[in-house]
Structures are given as C-alpha cells and as structure tokens.
Amino acid sequence: MSPVLAGVLQLLALTAALALTYRPLGDHMARVYGSKKHLRAEKWIYKAIGADPDSPMRWTAYLRGVLAFSLAGVLFLYLLQRLQGSLPGSLGFRSIDPDQAFNTAASFVANTNWQSYAGEQAMGHVVQTAGLAVQNFVSAAVGIAVAVALVRGFTTRSRTGELGNFWADLVRGVVRILLPISVIGALVLVACGALQNFSGIHEVGQFMGGSRQWNGGAVASQEVIKELGTNGGGYFNANSAHPFENPTPLSNLFEIYLILVIPFALTRTFGRMAGSLRQGYALLATMATIWLGLTALMMWTEFHHGGPAFDVAGGAMEGKETRFGIGGSSLFAVATTLTSTGAVNSFHSSYTGFGGGIEMLGMQLGEIAPGGVGSGLYGMLVMAVIAVFVAGLMVGRTPEYLGKKIGTREIKLAACYILITPALVLGFTAVSMALPTPKDSMLNSGAHGFSEILYAYTSGANNNGSAFGGLSADTNWFNTTLGLAMLLGRFLPMVFVLALAGSLARQQPVPTTAGTLRTEKPLFAGLLVGAILIITGLTYFPALALGPLAEGLAS
C-alpha cells in the first residue's frame, strides 16, 4: 500500500469514527448540562467544597468561580512542584525551580500544557498524577463550562441574566463526561501497549550497547485525558512520539480521535440546547471544512516536497516516526494545532516550511476548527457573532443570532475577544526579537529561527502547548513571559465570553421574520469560514511572511 493511500484511509476511518459517536455523545452532553438531578458522588463533592449547585449565577458570579478555582489550581500545583523533593514517590527528583514551577502551573491550569522540561527526568509520580493529571481533567471541564454558559446566554428566555451554576457545570463535566470516557480510553491504550504502573527507575539495555535508565508511571491514564481534554502535556519528553505513550499506528489513530471527539460533538450539544440541530450542523460544517482543508494541505506539502532524499523516503520524513509515517503524523499535527491540545507525535520544527506554517495557522485561527474542549465552541460562537454583524452591515439590518440582537455592547465584547490573543502573540514575539538575550535560545537563524519564537508565543497564548523543538525555552525570560501569555490568553477571553453571555441572557428574544438571516443555512457557514480566514489573514499574514512562508518559498 502506498503511503498516500494509507494516509487517506486513516483520514476516512477517523471521519467515520467521529461520525458514529457525534450524535450519542453530543446528546449525552446536552442531557448532562440540562439535568436538574445530582448524582450521589456529585453531592459529596459539593458538600466537600461548600458549593450550592442549585444556586443560579449571573455572569460576574460565574466568572468569579472560574477565576477563584483556577487561581487555587495554580497555587496548589506550584507548591506541589516546589515541595517535590520532600514528597513520597518523587523518584529522587529535586524540587522544581521557581520560574519553571510557575510556568508549569500556569500551563496546566490554562489547559496549555507547555513543557520546558523533560517529564521523565523532572517529575515524580505524585506531581504527575495528583498535580498534572488532575489539572488535565478540571481545566478541560472549566472550558466546557464556559462554553455551556455562553450557549445558555443565547438560549435563555427568562431575561434574568442567569447562566447556570459554575460548580455544578464543573463537577458534571468531570464526573459524567471526562472520567467515564477516560477509563475506557485508558484500557484501550493499555491493550495497545501503553505503559501503566507506578514502578521506579530501571536500567535497560540499548541496541547500540551500554544502558539507559527509564522510569515507569501511570502513562496510559494520563495519555488519554491529555488528548480527550485537549491538554497535550506528555509523561515523557518525546510526548506522543514515545512508544510508551503511543506504541502503534492503531493507538495513534485512537489518540487523534480522542483529540477531536468532544470538540466536534459539542456542536450537537449546542444544537440541542438551542432547540435547532441545524444551527449545530452549521457550526459543524464550518469546523469540518477548515479541518479537512488544512489536513489535505498538510498531507500535500509533506508528501510532495521535492528532492532526492524526499523521493527515496516517500515524502518529508525528517522528524517523523516510521511507525506512523507521513499520513499519521500529518493527521496528528493538524488535529493537535487546530485544537488546544499541543501533543505531538513528530518533530514540528522538522516539517517543511509550508507544513510549519499550516501548524501555526491552525493555532492562529483561534483553535476553533474544532478547537479545544469548550474553547472551540465558544470561540466559534464569537466568530458567528462577528459574521452576523458583518452580514447586517451589508444589508443595513440590525444583526441577530439565535433570536438575540447583536448590539454595540455585544460586538465590542466580541472584538475584544478576537484582539487579545493576537496582541499577546505579536507583542511578546516582537519584544523577544528586539532583546538580545531571548534570541540566544534559538537553535536556527533566519526565517526558521524567527518561526521558533513566533510558534512559541502562538502556542502559549492560544493555549496549545506544542513547540518548534529547536527553541531552548527553559530560561527565566521564556518561563515567565510564556507563563503570562498562557494565563492571559486563557482567562481574558473567558472574561469577554462570560460578559457576552450575561449581556445576551438579559435580552428579550426577538421573533424571526422574513428578513432574519438564516444562520442554519450553508450560505452562513460559508460566510463564517470567510470571516475566520480573512480576520486571521489580516492579523497574522505579515508575521507568517517573515517566518514559515519565507522559509517555504526559499526551499
């Protein structure tokens, strides 16, 4: 079988698997967030944290819950790392330095999972499981909760401004959605050969003579939630390219499926909660169009890059695992950068110039196709507000979406949402290139060196976490600035999203008339795709031209 055909068949199999689970998972999540009942385990959790799950919250109270919970997570994870040397199960590793502990705590709480350390050489069992793995669950649940709050803002008819209860949404997301799927997924990965134990450090032989030390760990259980929750932080430095995390082509395809399944299914949940499945299908079509388009472009540029070495290898194989090939690596790279996952099964810095540009573009789109768990849906809904506003300007009519008017306040909040992340990315990149010290961390010079820094801040501010591996990011400058970019890039957009939800929830729904824009139609989906691409292109094209585009045209 040719490598190209193998890649196409993997794409078809992945699409079929996502289609089969789209309806049941999407409907299940709608029932979870629409239910008035609480499970016994959930009641115990509410009692332990002192929360009243039946108390409705306005957007300000909901936001306070998000920020307070996340701040507690940052402090707990920071202290856990600083105390690692005194904890049991540390495997003899020392405590983490302050700047790296801050960076890692900010990274995992912000659902970014940027890692400026080698996991198997720095983190013991307690930090990996009680710290990092726990944040993989709860940070994903926070994202889903904020998305559900925005959907309620569009769909509520009470004019009370209430968006539900953050604590109830958080706990339900973990207990009823993420945990059950993770248990099943971990068993699948163990069956495929992934590691799952709490063993210490062992000395093993090497093919070339000598020996090397490896430590075990609860790898499969952390691997499944890092993909399912679009987190991305690997137990090992090689991440999902490591055979202990991702041993076979089957496990590779399964992990890509885990990355995409909840973000795509949330469009079905949105349709259910909005009372119109066709509204969800319009968002699904927008996401799928961008995802399939960038996947096709990635496969084309990696399979058909010219040169004798590429011809012998069947394409651009540098930095890719032979067990996955170009097809499996390209599928994974697009999935992980179009979502907020950031896990890698190949060396992103070794992709062709245009391939690296596609990876960056996926993040710079706002990671909304299908995007991160929760963040993809609320990002796409904000872009839908922008698209409706543009359409209203063209026909001279007050824009409406799902029966709610998009007025001055709403469009200002949407504009702030789409501006904050580019400001962080381009601002931190410009300062890093202007100062002498940060440039010392670049492995390469010229366009590719610039791409290393641009990619790092694109990844951090968009809460992705992957990297162009040539950048030596374990410095005070990058640990601090990337930590700030991750926190600001995660929580400032949430402020604008929840403020938008509160504004919409206070509105009286307007009736649909003959002049109302039909946002469930293919025409609107096309308008939405165009708005996303134009806004991203105008924002990032100059920076992309200096980095990956210049490198691609020169090669």
Protein backbone atom coordinates (compact mmCIF):
# COMPACT_ATOMS: atom_id res chain seq x y z
CA MET A 1 0.00 0.00 0.00
CA SER A 2 1.37 3.42 -0.91
CA PRO A 3 1.96 5.95 1.92
CA VAL A 4 -0.50 8.38 0.32
CA LEU A 5 -3.27 5.78 0.18
CA ALA A 6 -2.54 4.78 3.79
CA GLY A 7 -2.89 8.40 4.88
CA VAL A 8 -6.19 8.82 3.02
CA LEU A 9 -7.59 5.61 4.51
CA GLN A 10 -6.65 6.76 8.01
CA LEU A 11 -8.48 10.05 7.38
CA LEU A 12 -11.57 8.17 6.19
CA ALA A 13 -11.51 5.81 9.19
CA LEU A 14 -11.12 8.75 11.56
CA THR A 15 -14.00 10.63 9.95
CA ALA A 16 -16.23 7.55 10.19
CA ALA A 17 -15.41 7.04 13.88
CA LEU A 18 -16.18 10.69 14.66
CA ALA A 19 -19.46 10.48 12.73
CA LEU A 20 -20.55 7.37 14.64
CA THR A 21 -20.07 8.99 18.05
CA TYR A 22 -21.19 12.51 17.12
CA ARG A 23 -24.88 12.04 17.88
CA PRO A 24 -24.78 9.93 21.07
CA LEU A 25 -22.00 11.93 22.71
CA GLY A 26 -23.46 15.29 21.74
CA ASP A 27 -26.91 14.33 23.05
CA HIS A 28 -25.40 12.93 26.24
CA MET A 29 -23.58 16.19 26.97
CA ALA A 30 -26.78 18.15 26.36
CA ARG A 31 -28.58 15.95 28.89
CA VAL A 32 -25.74 16.35 31.40
CA TYR A 33 -25.86 20.14 31.36
CA GLY A 34 -29.64 20.29 31.18
CA SER A 35 -30.33 17.90 34.05
CA LYS A 36 -31.74 19.08 37.38
CA LYS A 37 -30.61 15.96 39.25
CA HIS A 38 -27.30 15.42 41.02
CA LEU A 39 -25.52 12.10 41.36
CA ARG A 40 -24.58 10.90 44.82
CA ALA A 41 -20.86 11.32 44.12
CA GLU A 42 -21.53 14.86 42.92
CA LYS A 43 -23.40 15.69 46.13
CA TRP A 44 -20.38 14.56 48.14
CA ILE A 45 -18.14 16.86 46.12
CA TYR A 46 -20.50 19.84 46.53
CA LYS A 47 -20.59 19.24 50.28
CA ALA A 48 -16.79 18.98 50.45
CA ILE A 49 -16.24 22.29 48.64
CA GLY A 50 -19.17 24.07 50.22
CA ALA A 51 -20.99 24.81 46.95
CA ASP A 52 -24.72 25.07 46.31
CA PRO A 53 -25.22 23.55 42.84
CA ASP A 54 -28.82 24.77 42.59
CA SER A 55 -28.00 28.44 43.04
CA PRO A 56 -28.09 30.21 39.65
CA MET A 57 -25.29 32.64 38.85
CA ARG A 58 -25.06 35.81 36.80
CA TRP A 59 -22.01 36.18 34.61
CA THR A 60 -20.00 38.04 37.26
CA ALA A 61 -20.52 35.30 39.86
CA TYR A 62 -19.81 32.62 37.25
CA LEU A 63 -16.56 34.40 36.33
CA ARG A 64 -15.55 34.69 39.98
CA GLY A 65 -15.97 30.94 40.29
CA VAL A 66 -13.83 30.29 37.22
CA LEU A 67 -11.05 32.61 38.35
CA ALA A 68 -11.07 31.54 42.01
CA PHE A 69 -10.94 27.85 41.12
CA SER A 70 -8.18 28.40 38.57
CA LEU A 71 -6.12 30.55 40.96
CA ALA A 72 -6.37 27.81 43.59
CA GLY A 73 -5.18 25.33 40.96
CA VAL A 74 -2.15 27.46 40.07
CA LEU A 75 -1.15 27.86 43.72
CA PHE A 76 -1.62 24.17 44.54
CA LEU A 77 0.33 22.94 41.52
CA TYR A 78 3.10 25.48 42.10
CA LEU A 79 3.52 24.40 45.72
CA LEU A 80 3.38 20.72 44.79
CA GLN A 81 6.31 21.19 42.42
CA ARG A 82 8.30 23.30 44.85
CA LEU A 83 7.89 20.60 47.53
CA GLN A 84 8.52 17.63 45.24
CA GLY A 85 11.90 16.80 46.78
CA SER A 86 10.20 16.17 50.14
CA LEU A 87 7.27 14.16 48.80
CA PRO A 88 6.99 10.37 48.56
CA GLY A 89 7.13 8.94 45.05
CA SER A 90 9.46 11.69 43.84
CA LEU A 91 11.76 9.07 42.24
CA GLY A 92 14.70 11.01 43.64
CA PHE A 93 13.96 14.13 41.59
CA ARG A 94 14.63 17.50 43.18
CA SER A 95 12.08 20.25 43.66
CA ILE A 96 11.31 22.34 40.58
CA ASP A 97 12.89 25.80 40.27
CA PRO A 98 10.54 28.76 40.94
CA ASP A 99 10.36 30.08 37.36
CA GLN A 100 9.74 26.66 35.87
CA ALA A 101 7.22 25.76 38.59
CA PHE A 102 5.28 28.95 37.78
CA ASN A 103 5.43 28.22 34.06
CA THR A 104 4.22 24.64 34.51
CA ALA A 105 1.45 25.58 36.96
CA ALA A 106 0.19 28.32 34.63
CA SER A 107 0.48 25.98 31.67
CA PHE A 108 -1.57 23.09 33.05
CA VAL A 109 -4.25 25.23 34.71
CA ALA A 110 -4.65 27.19 31.46
CA ASN A 111 -5.15 23.93 29.52
CA THR A 112 -1.95 24.65 27.58
CA ASN A 113 0.50 22.04 28.93
CA TRP A 114 3.57 23.79 27.55
CA GLN A 115 6.56 21.88 28.94
CA SER A 116 10.03 23.38 29.22
CA TYR A 117 11.28 20.24 30.98
CA ALA A 118 11.63 16.52 30.22
CA GLY A 119 8.84 14.81 32.13
CA GLU A 120 10.65 11.55 32.82
CA GLN A 121 13.68 13.44 34.15
CA ALA A 122 11.93 16.03 36.34
CA MET A 123 8.52 14.96 37.67
CA GLY A 124 7.80 12.17 40.17
CA HIS A 125 4.63 10.11 40.49
CA VAL A 126 2.87 12.47 42.92
CA VAL A 127 3.31 15.59 40.79
CA GLN A 128 2.42 13.71 37.61
CA THR A 129 -0.79 12.16 38.99
CA ALA A 130 -2.04 14.39 41.82
CA GLY A 131 -0.92 17.58 40.06
CA LEU A 132 -0.68 17.42 36.30
CA ALA A 133 -3.26 14.69 35.60
CA VAL A 134 -5.84 16.31 37.88
CA GLN A 135 -5.45 19.62 36.06
CA ASN A 136 -5.91 17.80 32.76
CA PHE A 137 -9.41 16.91 33.93
CA VAL A 138 -10.52 20.10 35.64
CA SER A 139 -9.05 22.59 33.16
CA ALA A 140 -10.94 20.81 30.37
CA ALA A 141 -14.13 20.86 32.44
CA VAL A 142 -13.72 24.62 33.00
CA GLY A 143 -13.57 25.15 29.24
CA ILE A 144 -16.74 23.15 28.64
CA ALA A 145 -18.50 25.01 31.48
CA VAL A 146 -17.74 28.42 29.95
CA ALA A 147 -18.97 27.23 26.54
CA VAL A 148 -22.21 25.95 28.08
CA ALA A 149 -22.68 29.27 29.89
CA LEU A 150 -22.42 31.13 26.57
CA VAL A 151 -24.92 28.78 24.93
CA ARG A 152 -27.32 29.44 27.80
CA GLY A 153 -26.85 33.16 27.22
CA PHE A 154 -28.08 32.72 23.66
CA THR A 155 -30.91 30.33 24.51
CA THR A 156 -32.32 31.63 27.80
CA ARG A 157 -35.73 33.23 27.57
CA SER A 158 -36.09 34.48 31.15
CA ARG A 159 -34.23 37.83 30.93
CA THR A 160 -32.76 37.16 34.39
CA GLY A 161 -29.16 37.22 33.22
CA GLU A 162 -28.56 33.82 34.88
CA LEU A 163 -26.13 31.40 33.24
CA GLY A 164 -26.40 28.34 35.46
CA ASN A 165 -24.04 27.31 38.23
CA PHE A 166 -20.29 27.05 37.62
CA TRP A 167 -19.65 24.45 40.30
CA ALA A 168 -22.38 22.17 39.02
CA ASP A 169 -21.13 22.52 35.43
CA LEU A 170 -17.53 21.86 36.51
CA VAL A 171 -18.29 18.75 38.56
CA ARG A 172 -20.66 17.28 35.97
CA GLY A 173 -18.13 17.75 33.21
CA VAL A 174 -15.56 15.73 35.15
CA VAL A 175 -17.80 13.07 36.68
CA ARG A 176 -20.25 12.38 33.85
CA ILE A 177 -18.19 13.08 30.72
CA LEU A 178 -14.41 13.12 31.11
CA LEU A 179 -13.92 10.38 33.71
CA PRO A 180 -16.05 7.63 32.10
CA ILE A 181 -14.53 8.14 28.65
CA SER A 182 -11.03 8.30 30.14
CA VAL A 183 -11.43 4.96 31.94
CA ILE A 184 -12.47 3.24 28.72
CA GLY A 185 -9.80 5.05 26.71
CA ALA A 186 -7.03 4.11 29.15
CA LEU A 187 -7.98 0.44 28.84
CA VAL A 188 -7.78 0.73 25.05
CA LEU A 189 -4.32 2.30 25.24
CA VAL A 190 -3.08 -0.34 27.67
CA ALA A 191 -4.37 -3.01 25.28
CA CYS A 192 -2.37 -1.29 22.52
CA GLY A 193 0.79 -1.46 24.65
CA ALA A 194 0.91 1.85 26.54
CA LEU A 195 2.57 1.81 29.96
CA GLN A 196 0.51 1.91 33.19
CA ASN A 197 2.24 1.32 36.52
CA PHE A 198 3.94 3.07 39.42
CA SER A 199 7.36 1.48 39.12
CA GLY A 200 10.57 3.30 39.88
CA ILE A 201 13.61 3.88 37.71
CA HIS A 202 15.01 0.86 35.87
CA GLU A 203 18.18 0.39 33.86
CA VAL A 204 17.56 -1.17 30.45
CA GLY A 205 19.84 -2.16 27.58
CA GLN A 206 20.20 -0.30 24.32
CA PHE A 207 20.60 -1.55 20.77
CA MET A 208 23.96 0.20 20.41
CA GLY A 209 25.40 -1.17 23.66
CA GLY A 210 25.50 0.33 27.12
CA SER A 211 22.33 1.01 29.09
CA ARG A 212 19.78 3.71 29.84
CA GLN A 213 17.51 4.46 32.75
CA TRP A 214 13.72 4.55 32.30
CA ASN A 215 11.05 5.19 34.88
CA GLY A 216 7.52 3.85 34.76
CA GLY A 217 4.34 5.70 35.57
CA ALA A 218 0.59 5.98 35.10
CA VAL A 219 1.15 6.79 31.44
CA ALA A 220 -1.97 5.41 29.72
CA SER A 221 -4.37 7.11 32.15
CA GLN A 222 -2.63 10.46 31.70
CA GLU A 223 -2.27 9.98 27.94
CA VAL A 224 -5.99 9.52 27.43
CA ILE A 225 -7.05 12.65 29.33
CA LYS A 226 -4.27 14.75 27.81
CA GLU A 227 -5.84 14.02 24.39
CA LEU A 228 -9.51 13.89 25.41
CA GLY A 229 -9.26 17.15 27.35
CA THR A 230 -7.16 18.77 24.59
CA ASN A 231 -4.38 19.32 27.13
CA GLY A 232 -1.29 17.82 25.49
CA GLY A 233 1.39 17.54 28.16
CA GLY A 234 3.34 14.31 27.80
CA TYR A 235 4.57 11.97 30.53
CA PHE A 236 7.80 11.68 28.55
CA ASN A 237 9.78 14.36 26.78
CA ALA A 238 9.09 12.80 23.38
CA ASN A 239 5.36 13.15 24.11
CA SER A 240 3.13 11.04 21.87
CA ALA A 241 6.08 10.03 19.72
CA HIS A 242 7.30 7.91 22.66
CA PRO A 243 6.39 4.21 22.31
CA PHE A 244 5.36 4.05 25.99
CA GLU A 245 2.69 6.71 25.30
CA ASN A 246 1.70 5.91 21.71
CA PRO A 247 3.03 2.48 20.73
CA THR A 248 1.27 1.59 17.45
CA PRO A 249 -0.46 3.11 14.40
CA LEU A 250 -3.78 1.98 15.92
CA SER A 251 -3.11 3.81 19.19
CA ASN A 252 -2.06 6.84 17.13
CA LEU A 253 -5.37 6.92 15.26
CA PHE A 254 -7.24 6.40 18.53
CA GLU A 255 -5.46 9.34 20.14
CA ILE A 256 -6.32 11.61 17.20
CA TYR A 257 -9.93 10.50 17.64
CA LEU A 258 -9.80 11.40 21.33
CA ILE A 259 -8.48 14.87 20.47
CA LEU A 260 -11.37 15.64 18.12
CA VAL A 261 -14.37 13.77 19.50
CA ILE A 262 -15.62 16.20 22.20
CA PRO A 263 -14.99 19.47 20.31
CA PHE A 264 -16.91 18.20 17.28
CA ALA A 265 -19.70 16.65 19.38
CA LEU A 266 -20.22 19.91 21.28
CA THR A 267 -21.79 21.38 18.14
CA ARG A 268 -24.54 18.73 18.52
CA THR A 269 -24.86 19.72 22.19
CA PHE A 270 -25.20 23.35 21.10
CA GLY A 271 -27.91 22.44 18.61
CA ARG A 272 -29.83 20.50 21.25
CA MET A 273 -29.64 23.30 23.80
CA ALA A 274 -30.55 25.91 21.16
CA GLY A 275 -33.60 23.90 20.09
CA SER A 276 -32.37 23.65 16.49
CA LEU A 277 -30.00 20.87 15.45
CA ARG A 278 -29.44 22.64 12.14
CA GLN A 279 -27.75 25.50 13.99
CA GLY A 280 -25.28 22.98 15.35
CA TYR A 281 -24.80 21.43 11.93
CA ALA A 282 -23.87 24.85 10.50
CA LEU A 283 -21.07 25.20 13.05
CA LEU A 284 -20.05 21.59 12.46
CA ALA A 285 -19.81 22.23 8.70
CA THR A 286 -17.64 25.29 9.32
CA MET A 287 -15.29 23.38 11.60
CA ALA A 288 -15.12 20.35 9.32
CA THR A 289 -14.39 22.46 6.24
CA ILE A 290 -11.38 24.12 7.85
CA TRP A 291 -10.14 20.87 9.41
CA LEU A 292 -10.36 18.86 6.20
CA GLY A 293 -8.86 21.69 4.17
CA LEU A 294 -5.80 22.10 6.38
CA THR A 295 -5.39 18.32 6.67
CA ALA A 296 -5.35 18.00 2.87
CA LEU A 297 -2.85 20.87 2.57
CA MET A 298 -0.60 19.35 5.22
CA MET A 299 -0.56 15.94 3.53
CA TRP A 300 0.12 17.52 0.15
CA THR A 301 3.08 19.61 1.32
CA GLU A 302 4.62 16.76 3.32
CA PHE A 303 4.14 14.05 0.68
CA HIS A 304 5.15 16.09 -2.36
CA HIS A 305 8.07 18.18 -1.13
CA GLY A 306 10.74 17.76 -3.80
CA GLY A 307 14.31 16.48 -3.58
CA PRO A 308 16.16 13.17 -3.93
CA ALA A 309 16.06 12.30 -0.23
CA PHE A 310 12.34 13.02 -0.07
CA ASP A 311 11.72 10.88 -3.15
CA VAL A 312 13.51 7.92 -1.57
CA ALA A 313 11.63 8.30 1.73
CA GLY A 314 8.28 8.84 0.02
CA GLY A 315 7.97 12.39 1.34
CA ALA A 316 9.30 14.65 4.10
CA MET A 317 10.05 12.00 6.76
CA GLU A 318 12.53 14.02 8.83
CA GLY A 319 11.34 14.24 12.43
CA LYS A 320 8.55 11.69 11.92
CA GLU A 321 8.20 8.21 13.40
CA THR A 322 8.40 5.44 10.80
CA ARG A 323 5.62 3.53 12.59
CA PHE A 324 3.23 6.43 11.92
CA GLY A 325 4.53 7.65 8.58
CA ILE A 326 3.63 10.93 6.92
CA GLY A 327 -0.10 10.26 6.90
CA GLY A 328 -0.41 9.51 10.63
CA SER A 329 1.98 12.33 11.54
CA SER A 330 0.17 14.90 9.37
CA LEU A 331 -3.24 13.94 10.74
CA PHE A 332 -1.94 14.25 14.29
CA ALA A 333 -0.17 17.58 13.64
CA VAL A 334 -3.27 19.23 12.17
CA ALA A 335 -5.57 17.83 14.87
CA THR A 336 -3.32 18.96 17.70
CA THR A 337 -2.80 22.50 16.37
CA LEU A 338 -6.40 23.11 15.30
CA THR A 339 -7.42 22.18 18.83
CA SER A 340 -5.74 23.40 22.01
CA THR A 341 -4.07 20.02 22.53
CA GLY A 342 -0.42 20.57 21.68
CA ALA A 343 0.53 16.89 21.98
CA VAL A 344 2.97 15.84 19.26
CA ASN A 345 3.87 12.54 17.64
CA SER A 346 6.51 14.13 15.41
CA PHE A 347 9.02 16.99 15.47
CA HIS A 348 7.06 20.04 14.31
CA SER A 349 10.22 22.02 13.67
CA SER A 350 11.26 19.45 11.05
CA TYR A 351 8.15 19.85 8.91
CA THR A 352 8.56 21.63 5.61
CA GLY A 353 8.35 25.42 5.65
CA PHE A 354 4.76 25.38 4.47
CA GLY A 355 3.94 22.49 6.83
CA GLY A 356 5.17 24.52 9.80
CA GLY A 357 3.10 27.45 8.55
CA ILE A 358 -0.03 25.25 8.49
CA GLU A 359 0.63 24.23 12.09
CA MET A 360 0.92 27.89 13.13
CA LEU A 361 -2.11 28.91 11.09
CA GLY A 362 -4.21 26.26 12.83
CA MET A 363 -3.46 27.88 16.18
CA GLN A 364 -3.75 31.44 14.87
CA LEU A 365 -7.26 30.78 13.59
CA GLY A 366 -8.15 30.73 17.28
CA GLU A 367 -8.19 26.94 17.50
CA ILE A 368 -11.88 26.80 16.62
CA ALA A 369 -11.94 24.07 13.98
CA PRO A 370 -12.94 22.19 16.06
CA GLY A 371 -10.86 23.89 18.74
CA GLY A 372 -10.23 22.96 22.34
CA VAL A 373 -12.71 21.26 24.63
CA GLY A 374 -15.24 24.02 25.24
CA SER A 375 -12.98 26.81 23.99
CA GLY A 376 -13.51 25.70 20.39
CA LEU A 377 -17.29 26.08 20.68
CA TYR A 378 -17.28 29.44 22.43
CA GLY A 379 -14.60 30.72 20.04
CA MET A 380 -16.69 29.67 17.06
CA LEU A 381 -19.80 31.30 18.56
CA VAL A 382 -17.91 34.58 18.98
CA MET A 383 -16.86 34.37 15.34
CA ALA A 384 -20.51 33.69 14.43
CA VAL A 385 -21.40 36.95 16.20
CA ILE A 386 -18.79 38.76 14.09
CA ALA A 387 -20.09 37.12 10.89
CA VAL A 388 -23.69 38.08 11.71
CA PHE A 389 -22.56 41.65 12.37
CA VAL A 390 -20.76 41.79 9.01
CA ALA A 391 -23.85 40.44 7.25
CA GLY A 392 -26.01 43.04 8.99
CA LEU A 393 -23.72 45.82 7.79
CA MET A 394 -24.03 44.57 4.20
CA VAL A 395 -27.83 44.60 4.17
CA GLY A 396 -28.43 47.51 6.56
CA ARG A 397 -30.24 45.46 9.19
CA THR A 398 -29.69 45.08 12.95
CA PRO A 399 -27.85 41.78 13.31
CA GLU A 400 -29.45 38.93 15.23
CA TYR A 401 -28.25 35.47 16.21
CA LEU A 402 -30.49 32.80 17.73
CA GLY A 403 -33.15 35.40 18.46
CA LYS A 404 -30.81 37.78 20.29
CA LYS A 405 -29.82 41.19 18.91
CA ILE A 406 -26.14 41.86 18.41
CA GLY A 407 -25.79 45.44 19.56
CA THR A 408 -22.93 47.77 20.39
CA ARG A 409 -22.05 46.06 23.67
CA GLU A 410 -22.06 42.58 22.16
CA ILE A 411 -19.87 43.48 19.20
CA LYS A 412 -17.37 45.32 21.43
CA LEU A 413 -17.02 42.24 23.62
CA ALA A 414 -16.61 40.02 20.56
CA ALA A 415 -13.99 42.39 19.14
CA CYS A 416 -12.04 42.36 22.41
CA TYR A 417 -12.12 38.57 22.33
CA ILE A 418 -10.59 38.29 18.86
CA LEU A 419 -7.98 41.01 19.52
CA ILE A 420 -6.49 39.90 22.84
CA THR A 421 -4.71 36.75 21.63
CA PRO A 422 -3.02 38.33 18.56
CA ALA A 423 -1.89 41.22 20.77
CA LEU A 424 -0.22 38.76 23.15
CA VAL A 425 1.35 36.68 20.36
CA LEU A 426 2.71 39.54 18.27
CA GLY A 427 3.66 41.71 21.24
CA PHE A 428 5.71 39.06 23.06
CA THR A 429 7.28 37.90 19.77
CA ALA A 430 8.33 41.46 18.87
CA VAL A 431 9.86 42.10 22.30
CA SER A 432 11.71 38.77 22.25
CA MET A 433 13.18 39.51 18.83
CA ALA A 434 14.17 43.04 19.89
CA LEU A 435 16.03 41.97 23.02
CA PRO A 436 19.44 40.30 22.74
CA THR A 437 19.07 37.53 25.34
CA PRO A 438 15.90 35.70 24.14
CA LYS A 439 17.42 35.25 20.68
CA ASP A 440 20.22 33.19 22.22
CA SER A 441 17.64 30.43 22.81
CA MET A 442 17.06 29.99 19.07
CA LEU A 443 18.69 26.92 17.54
CA ASN A 444 18.36 28.27 14.00
CA SER A 445 18.91 31.67 12.48
CA GLY A 446 16.93 33.45 9.78
CA ALA A 447 13.30 32.68 8.98
CA HIS A 448 13.25 29.37 10.83
CA GLY A 449 14.71 30.93 13.97
CA PHE A 450 12.03 33.64 13.89
CA SER A 451 9.44 30.87 13.43
CA GLU A 452 10.65 29.17 16.62
CA ILE A 453 9.81 32.22 18.71
CA LEU A 454 6.61 33.07 16.80
CA TYR A 455 5.45 29.47 17.22
CA ALA A 456 6.21 29.51 20.96
CA TYR A 457 4.06 32.55 21.71
CA THR A 458 1.37 31.46 19.25
CA SER A 459 1.23 28.16 21.10
CA GLY A 460 1.29 29.73 24.56
CA ALA A 461 -1.28 32.49 24.06
CA ASN A 462 -3.64 30.13 22.21
CA ASN A 463 -3.27 27.54 24.99
CA ASN A 464 -1.88 24.90 22.66
CA GLY A 465 1.43 23.88 24.21
CA SER A 466 3.30 22.38 21.25
CA ALA A 467 6.63 23.84 20.16
CA PHE A 468 9.19 24.14 17.41
CA GLY A 469 11.62 21.96 19.32
CA GLY A 470 14.75 23.92 18.46
CA LEU A 471 13.90 26.69 20.94
CA SER A 472 15.60 26.34 24.36
CA ALA A 473 12.68 27.65 26.39
CA ASP A 474 13.84 26.75 29.91
CA THR A 475 15.09 30.26 30.71
CA ASN A 476 13.80 32.91 33.10
CA TRP A 477 12.59 35.01 30.17
CA PHE A 478 10.60 32.34 28.37
CA ASN A 479 9.31 30.62 31.52
CA THR A 480 7.96 33.94 32.79
CA THR A 481 6.64 35.51 29.57
CA LEU A 482 5.14 32.29 28.26
CA GLY A 483 3.50 31.72 31.64
CA LEU A 484 1.94 35.18 31.46
CA ALA A 485 0.89 34.65 27.84
CA MET A 486 -0.80 31.36 28.78
CA LEU A 487 -2.72 32.81 31.72
CA LEU A 488 -3.79 35.98 29.91
CA GLY A 489 -4.59 34.06 26.72
CA ARG A 490 -6.82 31.68 28.66
CA PHE A 491 -8.68 33.85 31.12
CA LEU A 492 -9.03 37.27 29.46
CA PRO A 493 -11.03 35.74 26.57
CA MET A 494 -13.17 33.95 29.17
CA VAL A 495 -13.95 37.32 30.76
CA PHE A 496 -15.26 38.63 27.43
CA VAL A 497 -17.15 35.39 26.67
CA LEU A 498 -18.96 35.39 30.01
CA ALA A 499 -19.68 39.12 29.77
CA LEU A 500 -21.16 38.48 26.32
CA ALA A 501 -23.22 35.60 27.72
CA GLY A 502 -24.54 37.81 30.51
CA SER A 503 -25.46 40.57 28.08
CA LEU A 504 -27.33 38.12 25.85
CA ALA A 505 -29.09 36.46 28.78
CA ARG A 506 -30.64 39.78 29.81
CA GLN A 507 -32.20 40.34 26.39
CA GLN A 508 -35.77 39.71 25.36
CA PRO A 509 -35.74 37.31 22.38
CA VAL A 510 -36.86 38.85 19.10
CA PRO A 511 -39.19 36.95 16.76
CA THR A 512 -37.90 35.50 13.50
CA THR A 513 -39.11 37.43 10.45
CA ALA A 514 -38.70 37.19 6.70
CA GLY A 515 -35.66 39.47 6.93
CA THR A 516 -33.83 37.44 9.60
CA LEU A 517 -30.52 35.97 8.48
CA ARG A 518 -30.85 32.17 8.33
CA THR A 519 -27.81 31.14 10.32
CA GLU A 520 -28.52 27.43 9.87
CA LYS A 521 -28.05 27.57 6.09
CA PRO A 522 -24.91 26.68 4.07
CA LEU A 523 -24.65 30.32 2.98
CA PHE A 524 -23.99 31.40 6.56
CA ALA A 525 -21.49 28.59 7.08
CA GLY A 526 -19.61 29.87 4.02
CA LEU A 527 -19.74 33.43 5.36
CA LEU A 528 -18.40 32.19 8.70
CA VAL A 529 -15.47 30.37 7.07
CA GLY A 530 -14.64 33.50 5.08
CA ALA A 531 -14.79 35.75 8.14
CA ILE A 532 -12.46 33.45 10.08
CA LEU A 533 -9.89 33.25 7.28
CA ILE A 534 -9.96 36.98 6.48
CA ILE A 535 -9.63 38.10 10.09
CA THR A 536 -6.76 35.68 10.70
CA GLY A 537 -5.07 36.57 7.42
CA LEU A 538 -5.16 40.30 8.07
CA THR A 539 -3.85 39.79 11.59
CA TYR A 540 -1.03 37.30 11.15
CA PHE A 541 0.00 37.39 7.48
CA PRO A 542 2.94 39.82 7.96
CA ALA A 543 4.41 37.64 10.72
CA LEU A 544 3.84 34.44 8.76
CA ALA A 545 5.51 36.03 5.74
CA LEU A 546 8.65 36.66 7.77
CA GLY A 547 8.78 33.09 9.07
CA PRO A 548 7.29 29.94 7.53
CA LEU A 549 6.22 31.47 4.21
CA ALA A 550 9.69 32.90 3.59
CA GLU A 551 11.24 29.55 4.50
CA GLY A 552 8.82 27.62 2.31
CA LEU A 553 9.39 29.83 -0.73
CA ALA A 554 13.16 29.62 -0.29
CA SER A 555 13.24 25.82 -0.11
